[in-house]
């Protein structure tokens, strides 16, 4: 009788081990997503995205699985769990990572996520990165008389990694009278405005921004008592 019971237990244990072995070798399904696929390369709040990998499979192991990420390291940096190349799934089969593009990156960026155990289980996403023109603005001269007639030349200059600096609209704002509220840049990414001095001495500012892109430049100049 005892021998029969032991034999049954051995059979049951073998079945359990076999089931576990099958589960360990079953490939889960993968879903790879990003909270956004539209990025810019300069704005601190728009140059990164949060990546999520979900493993799902009723008969597959999905916990503590290593997920490898493949991408061009010159175009961005990925932060997983202490590594820029991988992350691990949690108790829900979910892995998280953050990808940040460099300020010289623009165009398409491809990221592939794959299981370390089953490399054939993988998915890719493509990010689109807009090259934002960087704007600077200067004043010439940097000081003038507060006589109500003196003029200061305000020059806005755009720089970019791509060729999107021409024909951009630059908007100007100031407490003083501007010659134009907005201007279009030339082929070199430059536009020139003028501001007329008021009759009150002090420091004054002109702000400039590129329509459709983040970022504002400022120049400060001084009006002196006549």
C-alpha atoms as a PDB file:
ATOM      1  CA  UNK A   1       0.000   0.000   0.000  1.00  0.00           C
ATOM      2  CA  UNK A   2       2.772   2.367   0.989  1.00  0.00           C
ATOM      3  CA  UNK A   3       4.636   1.527  -2.207  1.00  0.00           C
ATOM      4  CA  UNK A   4       1.555   2.377  -4.287  1.00  0.00           C
ATOM      5  CA  UNK A   5       1.145   5.742  -2.531  1.00  0.00           C
ATOM      6  CA  UNK A   6       4.800   6.601  -3.093  1.00  0.00           C
ATOM      7  CA  UNK A   7       4.471   5.654  -6.742  1.00  0.00           C
ATOM      8  CA  UNK A   8       1.456   7.960  -7.103  1.00  0.00           C
ATOM      9  CA  UNK A   9       3.337  10.815  -5.446  1.00  0.00           C
ATOM     10  CA  UNK A  10       6.269  10.331  -7.815  1.00  0.00           C
ATOM     11  CA  UNK A  11       3.915  10.441 -10.795  1.00  0.00           C
ATOM     12  CA  UNK A  12       2.200  13.592  -9.508  1.00  0.00           C
ATOM     13  CA  UNK A  13       5.543  15.280  -8.871  1.00  0.00           C
ATOM     14  CA  UNK A  14       6.692  14.383 -12.352  1.00  0.00           C
ATOM     15  CA  UNK A  15       3.553  15.898 -13.840  1.00  0.00           C
ATOM     16  CA  UNK A  16       4.026  19.102 -11.849  1.00  0.00           C
ATOM     17  CA  UNK A  17       7.662  19.397 -12.943  1.00  0.00           C
ATOM     18  CA  UNK A  18       6.697  18.746 -16.529  1.00  0.00           C
ATOM     19  CA  UNK A  19       4.026  21.434 -16.377  1.00  0.00           C
ATOM     20  CA  UNK A  20       6.517  23.910 -14.905  1.00  0.00           C
ATOM     21  CA  UNK A  21       9.038  23.028 -17.583  1.00  0.00           C
ATOM     22  CA  UNK A  22       6.430  23.584 -20.311  1.00  0.00           C
ATOM     23  CA  UNK A  23       5.517  26.919 -18.751  1.00  0.00           C
ATOM     24  CA  UNK A  24       9.161  28.008 -18.646  1.00  0.00           C
ATOM     25  CA  UNK A  25       9.539  27.242 -22.352  1.00  0.00           C
ATOM     26  CA  UNK A  26       6.282  28.843 -23.495  1.00  0.00           C
ATOM     27  CA  UNK A  27       6.796  32.114 -25.344  1.00  0.00           C
ATOM     28  CA  UNK A  28       4.659  34.996 -24.062  1.00  0.00           C
ATOM     29  CA  UNK A  29       3.142  37.680 -26.256  1.00  0.00           C
ATOM     30  CA  UNK A  30       4.726  41.135 -26.131  1.00  0.00           C
ATOM     31  CA  UNK A  31       3.221  44.608 -26.365  1.00  0.00           C
ATOM     32  CA  UNK A  32       5.643  47.538 -26.701  1.00  0.00           C
ATOM     33  CA  UNK A  33       4.277  51.099 -26.427  1.00  0.00           C
ATOM     34  CA  UNK A  34       5.350  54.684 -25.762  1.00  0.00           C
ATOM     35  CA  UNK A  35       3.314  57.403 -24.079  1.00  0.00           C
ATOM     36  CA  UNK A  36       4.212  59.601 -27.080  1.00  0.00           C
ATOM     37  CA  UNK A  37       5.978  59.137 -30.397  1.00  0.00           C
ATOM     38  CA  UNK A  38       6.286  62.860 -31.177  1.00  0.00           C
ATOM     39  CA  UNK A  39       9.307  64.517 -29.534  1.00  0.00           C
ATOM     40  CA  UNK A  40      11.419  67.650 -29.910  1.00  0.00           C
ATOM     41  CA  UNK A  41      15.164  67.857 -29.410  1.00  0.00           C
ATOM     42  CA  UNK A  42      15.446  70.953 -27.219  1.00  0.00           C
ATOM     43  CA  UNK A  43      12.481  71.418 -24.882  1.00  0.00           C
ATOM     44  CA  UNK A  44      13.200  69.775 -21.493  1.00  0.00           C
ATOM     45  CA  UNK A  45       9.592  68.636 -21.108  1.00  0.00           C
ATOM     46  CA  UNK A  46       9.222  67.329 -24.677  1.00  0.00           C
ATOM     47  CA  UNK A  47      12.493  65.525 -25.426  1.00  0.00           C
ATOM     48  CA  UNK A  48      11.748  62.230 -23.681  1.00  0.00           C
ATOM     49  CA  UNK A  49       9.144  59.479 -23.636  1.00  0.00           C
ATOM     50  CA  UNK A  50       8.136  56.664 -21.303  1.00  0.00           C
ATOM     51  CA  UNK A  51       8.363  53.166 -22.765  1.00  0.00           C
ATOM     52  CA  UNK A  52       6.306  50.209 -21.558  1.00  0.00           C
ATOM     53  CA  UNK A  53       6.725  46.518 -22.373  1.00  0.00           C
ATOM     54  CA  UNK A  54       3.995  44.084 -21.341  1.00  0.00           C
ATOM     55  CA  UNK A  55       4.433  40.306 -21.477  1.00  0.00           C
ATOM     56  CA  UNK A  56       1.259  38.257 -21.514  1.00  0.00           C
ATOM     57  CA  UNK A  57       0.693  34.525 -21.684  1.00  0.00           C
ATOM     58  CA  UNK A  58      -1.462  32.211 -19.604  1.00  0.00           C
ATOM     59  CA  UNK A  59       1.040  29.364 -19.945  1.00  0.00           C
ATOM     60  CA  UNK A  60       4.245  31.449 -20.012  1.00  0.00           C
ATOM     61  CA  UNK A  61       6.571  32.940 -17.428  1.00  0.00           C
ATOM     62  CA  UNK A  62       6.306  36.737 -17.545  1.00  0.00           C
ATOM     63  CA  UNK A  63       7.822  37.781 -14.201  1.00  0.00           C
ATOM     64  CA  UNK A  64      11.410  39.029 -13.812  1.00  0.00           C
ATOM     65  CA  UNK A  65      12.136  38.605 -17.505  1.00  0.00           C
ATOM     66  CA  UNK A  66      14.978  40.634 -19.007  1.00  0.00           C
ATOM     67  CA  UNK A  67      13.944  42.941 -21.849  1.00  0.00           C
ATOM     68  CA  UNK A  68      16.725  44.140 -24.139  1.00  0.00           C
ATOM     69  CA  UNK A  69      16.449  47.442 -25.995  1.00  0.00           C
ATOM     70  CA  UNK A  70      18.290  48.077 -29.248  1.00  0.00           C
ATOM     71  CA  UNK A  71      18.714  51.616 -30.620  1.00  0.00           C
ATOM     72  CA  UNK A  72      21.299  54.032 -31.990  1.00  0.00           C
ATOM     73  CA  UNK A  73      23.112  55.295 -28.882  1.00  0.00           C
ATOM     74  CA  UNK A  74      24.254  58.441 -30.701  1.00  0.00           C
ATOM     75  CA  UNK A  75      20.630  59.561 -30.997  1.00  0.00           C
ATOM     76  CA  UNK A  76      19.476  59.172 -27.427  1.00  0.00           C
ATOM     77  CA  UNK A  77      19.816  57.499 -24.055  1.00  0.00           C
ATOM     78  CA  UNK A  78      17.570  54.894 -22.498  1.00  0.00           C
ATOM     79  CA  UNK A  79      17.262  54.408 -18.746  1.00  0.00           C
ATOM     80  CA  UNK A  80      15.924  51.039 -17.643  1.00  0.00           C
ATOM     81  CA  UNK A  81      16.819  49.531 -14.288  1.00  0.00           C
ATOM     82  CA  UNK A  82      20.334  50.795 -13.856  1.00  0.00           C
ATOM     83  CA  UNK A  83      21.159  50.117 -17.484  1.00  0.00           C
ATOM     84  CA  UNK A  84      20.824  51.906 -20.812  1.00  0.00           C
ATOM     85  CA  UNK A  85      20.121  48.655 -22.646  1.00  0.00           C
ATOM     86  CA  UNK A  86      17.632  46.594 -20.648  1.00  0.00           C
ATOM     87  CA  UNK A  87      14.865  46.476 -18.045  1.00  0.00           C
ATOM     88  CA  UNK A  88      13.115  43.669 -16.166  1.00  0.00           C
ATOM     89  CA  UNK A  89       9.442  42.861 -15.882  1.00  0.00           C
ATOM     90  CA  UNK A  90       7.713  43.219 -12.526  1.00  0.00           C
ATOM     91  CA  UNK A  91       5.200  40.896 -10.877  1.00  0.00           C
ATOM     92  CA  UNK A  92       2.623  41.974 -13.456  1.00  0.00           C
ATOM     93  CA  UNK A  93       4.885  41.181 -16.397  1.00  0.00           C
ATOM     94  CA  UNK A  94       5.481  44.883 -17.098  1.00  0.00           C
ATOM     95  CA  UNK A  95       8.833  46.610 -17.741  1.00  0.00           C
ATOM     96  CA  UNK A  96       9.386  50.363 -17.865  1.00  0.00           C
ATOM     97  CA  UNK A  97      12.102  52.542 -19.381  1.00  0.00           C
ATOM     98  CA  UNK A  98      12.623  56.194 -20.294  1.00  0.00           C
ATOM     99  CA  UNK A  99      14.185  57.353 -23.558  1.00  0.00           C
ATOM    100  CA  UNK A 100      15.646  60.860 -24.005  1.00  0.00           C
ATOM    101  CA  UNK A 101      16.829  62.177 -27.365  1.00  0.00           C
ATOM    102  CA  UNK A 102      20.000  64.231 -27.739  1.00  0.00           C
ATOM    103  CA  UNK A 103      19.755  67.889 -28.744  1.00  0.00           C
ATOM    104  CA  UNK A 104      21.350  67.044 -32.104  1.00  0.00           C
ATOM    105  CA  UNK A 105      18.838  64.314 -32.953  1.00  0.00           C
ATOM    106  CA  UNK A 106      16.035  64.861 -35.431  1.00  0.00           C
ATOM    107  CA  UNK A 107      14.002  62.714 -37.787  1.00  0.00           C
ATOM    108  CA  UNK A 108      13.112  59.079 -37.035  1.00  0.00           C
ATOM    109  CA  UNK A 109      14.471  57.029 -34.148  1.00  0.00           C
ATOM    110  CA  UNK A 110      13.855  53.267 -34.076  1.00  0.00           C
ATOM    111  CA  UNK A 111      13.786  51.361 -30.772  1.00  0.00           C
ATOM    112  CA  UNK A 112      13.423  47.583 -30.632  1.00  0.00           C
ATOM    113  CA  UNK A 113      12.473  45.644 -27.491  1.00  0.00           C
ATOM    114  CA  UNK A 114      13.122  41.898 -27.263  1.00  0.00           C
ATOM    115  CA  UNK A 115      13.076  39.200 -24.633  1.00  0.00           C
ATOM    116  CA  UNK A 116      16.495  38.015 -23.539  1.00  0.00           C
ATOM    117  CA  UNK A 117      15.215  34.443 -23.190  1.00  0.00           C
ATOM    118  CA  UNK A 118      13.296  34.452 -26.480  1.00  0.00           C
ATOM    119  CA  UNK A 119      14.870  37.021 -28.851  1.00  0.00           C
ATOM    120  CA  UNK A 120      12.251  36.238 -31.466  1.00  0.00           C
ATOM    121  CA  UNK A 121       9.671  37.786 -29.142  1.00  0.00           C
ATOM    122  CA  UNK A 122      10.176  41.453 -29.968  1.00  0.00           C
ATOM    123  CA  UNK A 123       8.464  44.619 -31.155  1.00  0.00           C
ATOM    124  CA  UNK A 124       9.675  47.972 -32.467  1.00  0.00           C
ATOM    125  CA  UNK A 125       8.441  51.534 -32.259  1.00  0.00           C
ATOM    126  CA  UNK A 126       9.497  54.584 -34.273  1.00  0.00           C
ATOM    127  CA  UNK A 127       9.804  58.016 -32.669  1.00  0.00           C
ATOM    128  CA  UNK A 128       9.586  61.209 -34.723  1.00  0.00           C
ATOM    129  CA  UNK A 129      11.829  63.995 -33.441  1.00  0.00           C
ATOM    130  CA  UNK A 130      11.274  67.592 -34.551  1.00  0.00           C
ATOM    131  CA  UNK A 131      14.393  69.701 -34.869  1.00  0.00           C
ATOM    132  CA  UNK A 132      13.605  72.899 -32.957  1.00  0.00           C
ATOM    133  CA  UNK A 133      15.435  76.050 -34.041  1.00  0.00           C
ATOM    134  CA  UNK A 134      17.380  77.643 -31.195  1.00  0.00           C
ATOM    135  CA  UNK A 135      16.917  81.400 -31.001  1.00  0.00           C
ATOM    136  CA  UNK A 136      19.191  84.119 -29.666  1.00  0.00           C
ATOM    137  CA  UNK A 137      18.485  87.834 -29.672  1.00  0.00           C
ATOM    138  CA  UNK A 138      20.822  90.807 -29.331  1.00  0.00           C
ATOM    139  CA  UNK A 139      20.560  94.590 -28.977  1.00  0.00           C
ATOM    140  CA  UNK A 140      22.726  97.209 -30.669  1.00  0.00           C
ATOM    141  CA  UNK A 141      23.590  99.479 -28.990  1.00  0.00           C
ATOM    142  CA  UNK A 142      23.143  97.960 -25.519  1.00  0.00           C
ATOM    143  CA  UNK A 143      22.305 101.384 -24.107  1.00  0.00           C
ATOM    144  CA  UNK A 144      20.692 104.530 -25.455  1.00  0.00           C
ATOM    145  CA  UNK A 145      19.231 107.804 -24.264  1.00  0.00           C
ATOM    146  CA  UNK A 146      15.736 107.774 -22.829  1.00  0.00           C
ATOM    147  CA  UNK A 147      14.728 110.600 -25.155  1.00  0.00           C
ATOM    148  CA  UNK A 148      11.675 109.050 -26.808  1.00  0.00           C
ATOM    149  CA  UNK A 149      13.297 108.959 -30.251  1.00  0.00           C
ATOM    150  CA  UNK A 150      16.491 106.875 -30.065  1.00  0.00           C
ATOM    151  CA  UNK A 151      16.307 103.503 -31.733  1.00  0.00           C
ATOM    152  CA  UNK A 152      17.906 100.193 -30.780  1.00  0.00           C
ATOM    153  CA  UNK A 153      18.387  97.460 -33.352  1.00  0.00           C
ATOM    154  CA  UNK A 154      17.132  94.051 -32.210  1.00  0.00           C
ATOM    155  CA  UNK A 155      18.521  91.071 -34.124  1.00  0.00           C
ATOM    156  CA  UNK A 156      17.095  87.570 -33.776  1.00  0.00           C
ATOM    157  CA  UNK A 157      19.245  84.668 -34.983  1.00  0.00           C
ATOM    158  CA  UNK A 158      18.131  81.067 -35.432  1.00  0.00           C
ATOM    159  CA  UNK A 159      20.407  78.026 -35.377  1.00  0.00           C
ATOM    160  CA  UNK A 160      19.423  74.453 -36.130  1.00  0.00           C
ATOM    161  CA  UNK A 161      20.767  70.995 -36.909  1.00  0.00           C
ATOM    162  CA  UNK A 162      18.635  70.848 -40.054  1.00  0.00           C
ATOM    163  CA  UNK A 163      17.685  73.417 -42.694  1.00  0.00           C
ATOM    164  CA  UNK A 164      14.590  74.784 -40.949  1.00  0.00           C
ATOM    165  CA  UNK A 165      15.862  78.261 -40.032  1.00  0.00           C
ATOM    166  CA  UNK A 166      14.623  80.138 -43.112  1.00  0.00           C
ATOM    167  CA  UNK A 167      11.101  81.533 -43.472  1.00  0.00           C
ATOM    168  CA  UNK A 168      10.322  81.084 -39.792  1.00  0.00           C
ATOM    169  CA  UNK A 169       8.072  83.595 -38.014  1.00  0.00           C
ATOM    170  CA  UNK A 170       9.662  85.299 -35.022  1.00  0.00           C
ATOM    171  CA  UNK A 171       7.356  87.101 -32.591  1.00  0.00           C
ATOM    172  CA  UNK A 172       8.654  90.006 -30.502  1.00  0.00           C
ATOM    173  CA  UNK A 173       7.228  91.502 -27.307  1.00  0.00           C
ATOM    174  CA  UNK A 174       8.398  94.478 -25.251  1.00  0.00           C
ATOM    175  CA  UNK A 175       7.124  97.238 -22.997  1.00  0.00           C
ATOM    176  CA  UNK A 176       8.560  99.699 -25.514  1.00  0.00           C
ATOM    177  CA  UNK A 177       7.373 100.463 -29.031  1.00  0.00           C
ATOM    178  CA  UNK A 178       8.498  97.860 -31.555  1.00  0.00           C
ATOM    179  CA  UNK A 179       8.807  98.491 -35.265  1.00  0.00           C
ATOM    180  CA  UNK A 180       7.161  95.097 -35.907  1.00  0.00           C
ATOM    181  CA  UNK A 181       5.435  92.548 -33.709  1.00  0.00           C
ATOM    182  CA  UNK A 182       6.611  89.676 -35.927  1.00  0.00           C
ATOM    183  CA  UNK A 183       9.084  89.133 -38.749  1.00  0.00           C
ATOM    184  CA  UNK A 184      10.150  86.326 -41.077  1.00  0.00           C
ATOM    185  CA  UNK A 185      13.721  85.031 -41.033  1.00  0.00           C
ATOM    186  CA  UNK A 186      15.891  85.159 -44.133  1.00  0.00           C
ATOM    187  CA  UNK A 187      17.911  82.281 -45.617  1.00  0.00           C
ATOM    188  CA  UNK A 188      20.483  82.642 -42.818  1.00  0.00           C
ATOM    189  CA  UNK A 189      17.844  82.459 -40.101  1.00  0.00           C
ATOM    190  CA  UNK A 190      18.112  86.154 -39.263  1.00  0.00           C
ATOM    191  CA  UNK A 191      15.567  88.929 -38.867  1.00  0.00           C
ATOM    192  CA  UNK A 192      16.098  92.498 -37.699  1.00  0.00           C
ATOM    193  CA  UNK A 193      13.674  94.606 -35.689  1.00  0.00           C
ATOM    194  CA  UNK A 194      13.884  98.010 -34.029  1.00  0.00           C
ATOM    195  CA  UNK A 195      12.622  99.386 -30.744  1.00  0.00           C
ATOM    196  CA  UNK A 196      12.122 103.059 -29.951  1.00  0.00           C
ATOM    197  CA  UNK A 197      13.365 104.355 -26.603  1.00  0.00           C
ATOM    198  CA  UNK A 198      10.883 105.658 -24.106  1.00  0.00           C
ATOM    199  CA  UNK A 199      11.440 108.710 -21.948  1.00  0.00           C
ATOM    200  CA  UNK A 200      11.955 106.860 -18.656  1.00  0.00           C
ATOM    201  CA  UNK A 201      15.480 105.671 -17.802  1.00  0.00           C
ATOM    202  CA  UNK A 202      15.985 102.057 -16.709  1.00  0.00           C
ATOM    203  CA  UNK A 203      16.522  98.517 -17.939  1.00  0.00           C
ATOM    204  CA  UNK A 204      14.190  97.157 -20.624  1.00  0.00           C
ATOM    205  CA  UNK A 205      13.717  93.811 -22.339  1.00  0.00           C
ATOM    206  CA  UNK A 206      12.698  92.394 -25.682  1.00  0.00           C
ATOM    207  CA  UNK A 207      11.480  88.805 -25.878  1.00  0.00           C
ATOM    208  CA  UNK A 208      11.594  86.767 -29.074  1.00  0.00           C
ATOM    209  CA  UNK A 209      10.164  83.329 -29.884  1.00  0.00           C
ATOM    210  CA  UNK A 210       9.730  81.186 -32.974  1.00  0.00           C
ATOM    211  CA  UNK A 211       6.108  80.456 -33.864  1.00  0.00           C
ATOM    212  CA  UNK A 212       5.307  76.774 -33.538  1.00  0.00           C
ATOM    213  CA  UNK A 213       8.394  75.907 -31.482  1.00  0.00           C
ATOM    214  CA  UNK A 214       9.140  76.040 -27.739  1.00  0.00           C
ATOM    215  CA  UNK A 215      11.673  78.410 -26.230  1.00  0.00           C
ATOM    216  CA  UNK A 216      11.976  82.176 -25.758  1.00  0.00           C
ATOM    217  CA  UNK A 217      15.050  84.390 -25.953  1.00  0.00           C
ATOM    218  CA  UNK A 218      15.487  87.684 -24.099  1.00  0.00           C
ATOM    219  CA  UNK A 219      17.781  90.656 -24.448  1.00  0.00           C
ATOM    220  CA  UNK A 220      18.112  93.428 -21.853  1.00  0.00           C
ATOM    221  CA  UNK A 221      19.306  96.934 -22.632  1.00  0.00           C
ATOM    222  CA  UNK A 222      19.514 100.210 -20.731  1.00  0.00           C
ATOM    223  CA  UNK A 223      17.955 103.602 -21.342  1.00  0.00           C
ATOM    224  CA  UNK A 224      20.019 106.412 -19.819  1.00  0.00           C
ATOM    225  CA  UNK A 225      18.881 109.793 -18.625  1.00  0.00           C
ATOM    226  CA  UNK A 226      19.518 112.491 -21.272  1.00  0.00           C
END
